[in-house]
Amino acid sequence: MNQVLDMQVIEELLSFSDDGDAELLLDLIQMFLEDGPTKVQSITEGLTAGDFEKMERAAHSLKGSSGNLGARLLQEACEQMQLASRNHELERSRQLAAEIATAFSTADQALRDLRASYQS
């Protein structure tokens, strides 16, 4: 999991609670799991339609939520997508959309596993 998630970020989120309660972490994970697929889909739709602004907005949003949870590879891919879409680089955007889909899937599973470890 350390390759997918920056555990220092997770530990920092846990430190916000005096009693070590994982409620904030679990809430952020839940929001990511619910909202993330929509953002990935928006990137794909924007790519299909040639809507660079839609891709940039979705990548920006996903970059923030992935960064909040330490999903650094996804965060970096989203940052690169923001730049590529801002510069209307269609081929680069295609490559990055595939990277984002893969990185999201990996982060999604790692966060589901992390959530399960705190719920048991």
Protein backbone atom coordinates (compact mmCIF):
# COMPACT_ATOMS: atom_id res chain seq x y z
CA MET A 1 0.00 0.00 0.00
CA ASN A 2 2.93 2.34 0.63
CA GLN A 3 3.63 2.39 -3.12
CA VAL A 4 0.09 3.58 -3.84
CA LEU A 5 -0.65 5.75 -0.80
CA ASP A 6 1.65 8.12 1.03
CA MET A 7 1.14 6.83 4.55
CA GLN A 8 2.48 10.06 6.04
CA VAL A 9 -0.63 11.78 4.67
CA ILE A 10 -2.83 9.10 6.23
CA GLU A 11 -1.04 9.44 9.57
CA GLU A 12 -1.45 13.21 9.43
CA LEU A 13 -5.19 12.83 8.86
CA LEU A 14 -5.38 10.48 11.84
CA SER A 15 -3.44 12.96 13.98
CA PHE A 16 -6.22 15.54 13.62
CA SER A 17 -8.26 13.49 16.06
CA ASP A 18 -7.13 13.62 19.70
CA ASP A 19 -8.27 10.08 20.37
CA GLY A 20 -6.95 8.56 17.13
CA ASP A 21 -10.48 8.17 15.78
CA ALA A 22 -10.42 7.50 12.04
CA GLU A 23 -13.74 9.22 11.32
CA LEU A 24 -12.24 12.06 9.24
CA LEU A 25 -10.12 9.61 7.25
CA LEU A 26 -13.09 7.31 6.65
CA ASP A 27 -15.26 10.24 5.56
CA LEU A 28 -12.63 11.42 3.07
CA ILE A 29 -12.20 7.90 1.72
CA GLN A 30 -15.96 7.55 1.30
CA MET A 31 -16.21 10.84 -0.59
CA PHE A 32 -13.32 9.79 -2.84
CA LEU A 33 -14.91 6.41 -3.56
CA GLU A 34 -18.27 7.99 -4.36
CA ASP A 35 -17.05 10.99 -6.36
CA GLY A 36 -13.89 9.63 -8.01
CA PRO A 37 -15.54 7.47 -10.67
CA THR A 38 -17.60 10.47 -11.79
CA LYS A 39 -14.45 12.55 -12.20
CA VAL A 40 -12.70 9.81 -14.18
CA GLN A 41 -15.82 9.51 -16.37
CA SER A 42 -15.86 13.29 -16.89
CA ILE A 43 -12.26 13.14 -18.10
CA THR A 44 -13.18 10.37 -20.54
CA GLU A 45 -16.27 12.24 -21.75
CA GLY A 46 -14.30 15.44 -22.16
CA LEU A 47 -11.68 13.59 -24.17
CA THR A 48 -14.31 12.04 -26.43
CA ALA A 49 -15.98 15.40 -27.00
CA GLY A 50 -12.74 17.34 -27.34
CA ASP A 51 -13.83 19.40 -24.33
CA PHE A 52 -10.50 20.38 -22.79
CA GLU A 53 -12.14 22.57 -20.16
CA LYS A 54 -14.22 19.64 -18.87
CA MET A 55 -11.09 17.48 -18.68
CA GLU A 56 -9.18 20.18 -16.84
CA ARG A 57 -11.96 20.75 -14.28
CA ALA A 58 -12.38 17.04 -13.57
CA ALA A 59 -8.62 16.49 -13.34
CA HIS A 60 -8.29 19.45 -10.97
CA SER A 61 -10.98 18.09 -8.67
CA LEU A 62 -9.59 14.55 -8.72
CA LYS A 63 -6.08 15.89 -8.11
CA GLY A 64 -7.27 17.58 -4.93
CA SER A 65 -9.11 14.60 -3.51
CA SER A 66 -6.32 12.17 -4.36
CA GLY A 67 -3.75 14.50 -2.82
CA ASN A 68 -5.80 14.77 0.37
CA LEU A 69 -5.54 10.99 0.73
CA GLY A 70 -1.93 10.60 -0.35
CA ALA A 71 -2.63 8.93 -3.71
CA ARG A 72 0.44 10.57 -5.22
CA LEU A 73 0.58 8.74 -8.58
CA LEU A 74 -3.03 9.66 -9.29
CA GLN A 75 -2.44 13.20 -8.10
CA GLU A 76 0.56 13.58 -10.43
CA ALA A 77 -1.30 12.14 -13.43
CA CYS A 78 -4.16 14.57 -12.79
CA GLU A 79 -1.77 17.49 -12.56
CA GLN A 80 -0.25 16.49 -15.89
CA MET A 81 -3.77 16.22 -17.36
CA GLN A 82 -4.54 19.73 -16.21
CA LEU A 83 -1.49 21.01 -18.08
CA ALA A 84 -2.14 18.95 -21.21
CA SER A 85 -5.79 19.96 -21.39
CA ARG A 86 -4.96 23.60 -20.71
CA ASN A 87 -2.57 23.45 -23.68
CA HIS A 88 -5.05 21.52 -25.84
CA GLU A 89 -2.64 18.59 -26.25
CA LEU A 90 -5.04 15.92 -27.47
CA GLU A 91 -2.63 13.00 -27.83
CA ARG A 92 -1.01 13.67 -24.45
CA SER A 93 -4.49 13.93 -22.92
CA ARG A 94 -5.35 10.50 -24.34
CA GLN A 95 -2.27 8.99 -22.75
CA LEU A 96 -2.96 10.66 -19.44
CA ALA A 97 -6.62 9.61 -19.42
CA ALA A 98 -5.45 5.99 -19.57
CA GLU A 99 -2.89 6.63 -16.80
CA ILE A 100 -5.54 8.28 -14.65
CA ALA A 101 -7.96 5.38 -15.10
CA THR A 102 -5.28 2.89 -14.04
CA ALA A 103 -4.01 5.02 -11.15
CA PHE A 104 -7.56 5.61 -9.96
CA SER A 105 -8.33 1.90 -9.98
CA THR A 106 -5.20 1.16 -7.95
CA ALA A 107 -5.87 3.99 -5.47
CA ASP A 108 -9.52 2.97 -5.19
CA GLN A 109 -8.55 -0.56 -4.15
CA ALA A 110 -5.87 0.63 -1.72
CA LEU A 111 -8.34 3.00 -0.07
CA ARG A 112 -11.00 0.30 0.15
CA ASP A 113 -8.44 -1.95 1.86
CA LEU A 114 -7.41 0.85 4.21
CA ARG A 115 -11.05 1.62 5.05
CA ALA A 116 -11.68 -2.06 5.80
CA SER A 117 -8.71 -2.15 8.17
CA TYR A 118 -10.24 0.66 10.25
CA GLN A 119 -13.76 -0.74 10.17
CA SER A 120 -12.88 -4.17 11.49
